[in-house]
Amino acid sequence: MKTEKVIIEVSTDGLYSAYMPSDDYGFGLAGYGETEKEAIDDFYAAVSEMKELEEADGRTFPDLQFQFEHAVGYATPKTVTGCVAEDPAGYNEKEQ
């Protein structure tokens, strides 16, 4: 099983995105929502849909697990438990 990084970002309009930056598989995966949790849930929905599409086309979907990371500079009190350190500002310092 391969671990792929998924980046979580919040845009200036307050909407969240979760996307896999790797293009090693011939497809992209992304999720969006009004909260971080919604974006992550939508990301997993995209994974399920892509798996169905790949299998319908006779291809094997890769055995992946995902590691969610916040984009550098990301800091908001609206986070999902377990996705960010206790102190969001400190989290960014550790990423750099």
Protein backbone atom coordinates (compact mmCIF):
# COMPACT_ATOMS: atom_id res chain seq x y z
CA MET A 1 0.00 0.00 0.00
CA LYS A 2 1.33 3.40 -0.97
CA THR A 3 0.74 6.53 1.11
CA GLU A 4 -0.16 9.66 -0.81
CA LYS A 5 -0.15 13.17 0.62
CA VAL A 6 -3.42 15.13 0.47
CA ILE A 7 -3.18 18.90 0.91
CA ILE A 8 -5.91 20.76 2.80
CA GLU A 9 -6.36 24.44 2.01
CA VAL A 10 -8.85 27.12 2.89
CA SER A 11 -9.49 29.79 0.25
CA THR A 12 -10.00 33.48 0.83
CA ASP A 13 -13.77 32.94 0.52
CA GLY A 14 -13.64 30.47 3.42
CA LEU A 15 -14.23 27.30 1.39
CA TYR A 16 -12.02 24.25 1.93
CA SER A 17 -10.32 21.94 -0.53
CA ALA A 18 -8.50 18.64 -0.09
CA TYR A 19 -6.47 17.45 -3.07
CA MET A 20 -3.81 14.92 -3.95
CA PRO A 21 -0.96 16.76 -5.73
CA SER A 22 0.52 13.55 -7.19
CA ASP A 23 -0.20 12.90 -10.85
CA ASP A 24 1.42 9.45 -10.88
CA TYR A 25 -1.82 7.60 -11.62
CA GLY A 26 -3.37 9.30 -14.64
CA PHE A 27 -6.18 10.81 -12.58
CA GLY A 28 -6.59 13.50 -9.94
CA LEU A 29 -8.47 13.39 -6.68
CA ALA A 30 -10.00 16.39 -4.92
CA GLY A 31 -12.78 17.26 -2.52
CA TYR A 32 -14.43 20.53 -1.57
CA GLY A 33 -16.70 21.81 1.18
CA GLU A 34 -17.74 24.56 3.52
CA THR A 35 -15.79 22.91 6.34
CA GLU A 36 -12.58 20.92 6.49
CA LYS A 37 -14.55 17.78 7.34
CA GLU A 38 -16.85 18.27 4.32
CA ALA A 39 -13.82 18.64 2.04
CA ILE A 40 -12.26 15.44 3.42
CA ASP A 41 -15.57 13.55 3.11
CA ASP A 42 -15.93 14.81 -0.47
CA PHE A 43 -12.35 13.72 -1.19
CA TYR A 44 -13.18 10.18 -0.06
CA ALA A 45 -16.33 10.26 -2.23
CA ALA A 46 -14.07 11.19 -5.19
CA VAL A 47 -11.81 8.23 -4.33
CA SER A 48 -14.81 5.86 -4.42
CA GLU A 49 -16.05 7.30 -7.71
CA MET A 50 -12.62 7.09 -9.33
CA LYS A 51 -12.22 3.50 -8.14
CA GLU A 52 -15.53 2.59 -9.81
CA LEU A 53 -14.52 4.37 -13.04
CA GLU A 54 -11.11 2.70 -13.18
CA GLU A 55 -12.59 -0.76 -12.59
CA ALA A 56 -15.36 -0.14 -15.17
CA ASP A 57 -12.60 0.62 -17.70
CA GLY A 58 -10.77 -2.61 -16.79
CA ARG A 59 -8.01 -0.94 -14.80
CA THR A 60 -7.00 -1.70 -11.23
CA PHE A 61 -7.28 1.18 -8.81
CA PRO A 62 -4.02 1.48 -6.85
CA ASP A 63 -3.96 0.39 -3.21
CA LEU A 64 -3.60 3.82 -1.56
CA GLN A 65 -3.85 5.32 1.86
CA PHE A 66 -3.90 9.06 2.45
CA GLN A 67 -1.99 11.37 4.76
CA PHE A 68 -3.74 14.72 5.17
CA GLU A 69 -1.53 17.77 5.61
CA HIS A 70 -2.34 21.45 5.78
CA ALA A 71 -0.84 23.82 3.26
CA VAL A 72 1.98 25.97 4.61
CA GLY A 73 0.46 29.13 6.05
CA TYR A 74 -2.81 27.33 6.87
CA ALA A 75 -4.11 28.21 10.32
CA THR A 76 -7.73 28.34 11.41
CA PRO A 77 -9.57 27.37 14.57
CA LYS A 78 -12.12 25.43 12.43
CA THR A 79 -10.24 22.16 12.13
CA VAL A 80 -11.04 18.47 12.28
CA THR A 81 -9.78 16.70 15.39
CA GLY A 82 -6.60 14.84 14.56
CA CYS A 83 -5.85 16.87 11.43
CA VAL A 84 -4.05 19.74 13.06
CA ALA A 85 -1.84 20.20 16.10
CA GLU A 86 -3.29 21.67 19.28
CA ASP A 87 -1.87 25.06 18.32
CA PRO A 88 -2.54 25.76 14.62
CA ALA A 89 0.16 28.44 14.46
CA GLY A 90 2.70 25.99 15.90
CA TYR A 91 1.65 23.39 13.33
CA ASN A 92 2.80 25.62 10.50
CA GLU A 93 6.16 26.18 12.17
CA LYS A 94 6.69 22.40 12.27
CA GLU A 95 5.84 22.05 8.56
CA GLN A 96 8.48 24.49 7.36
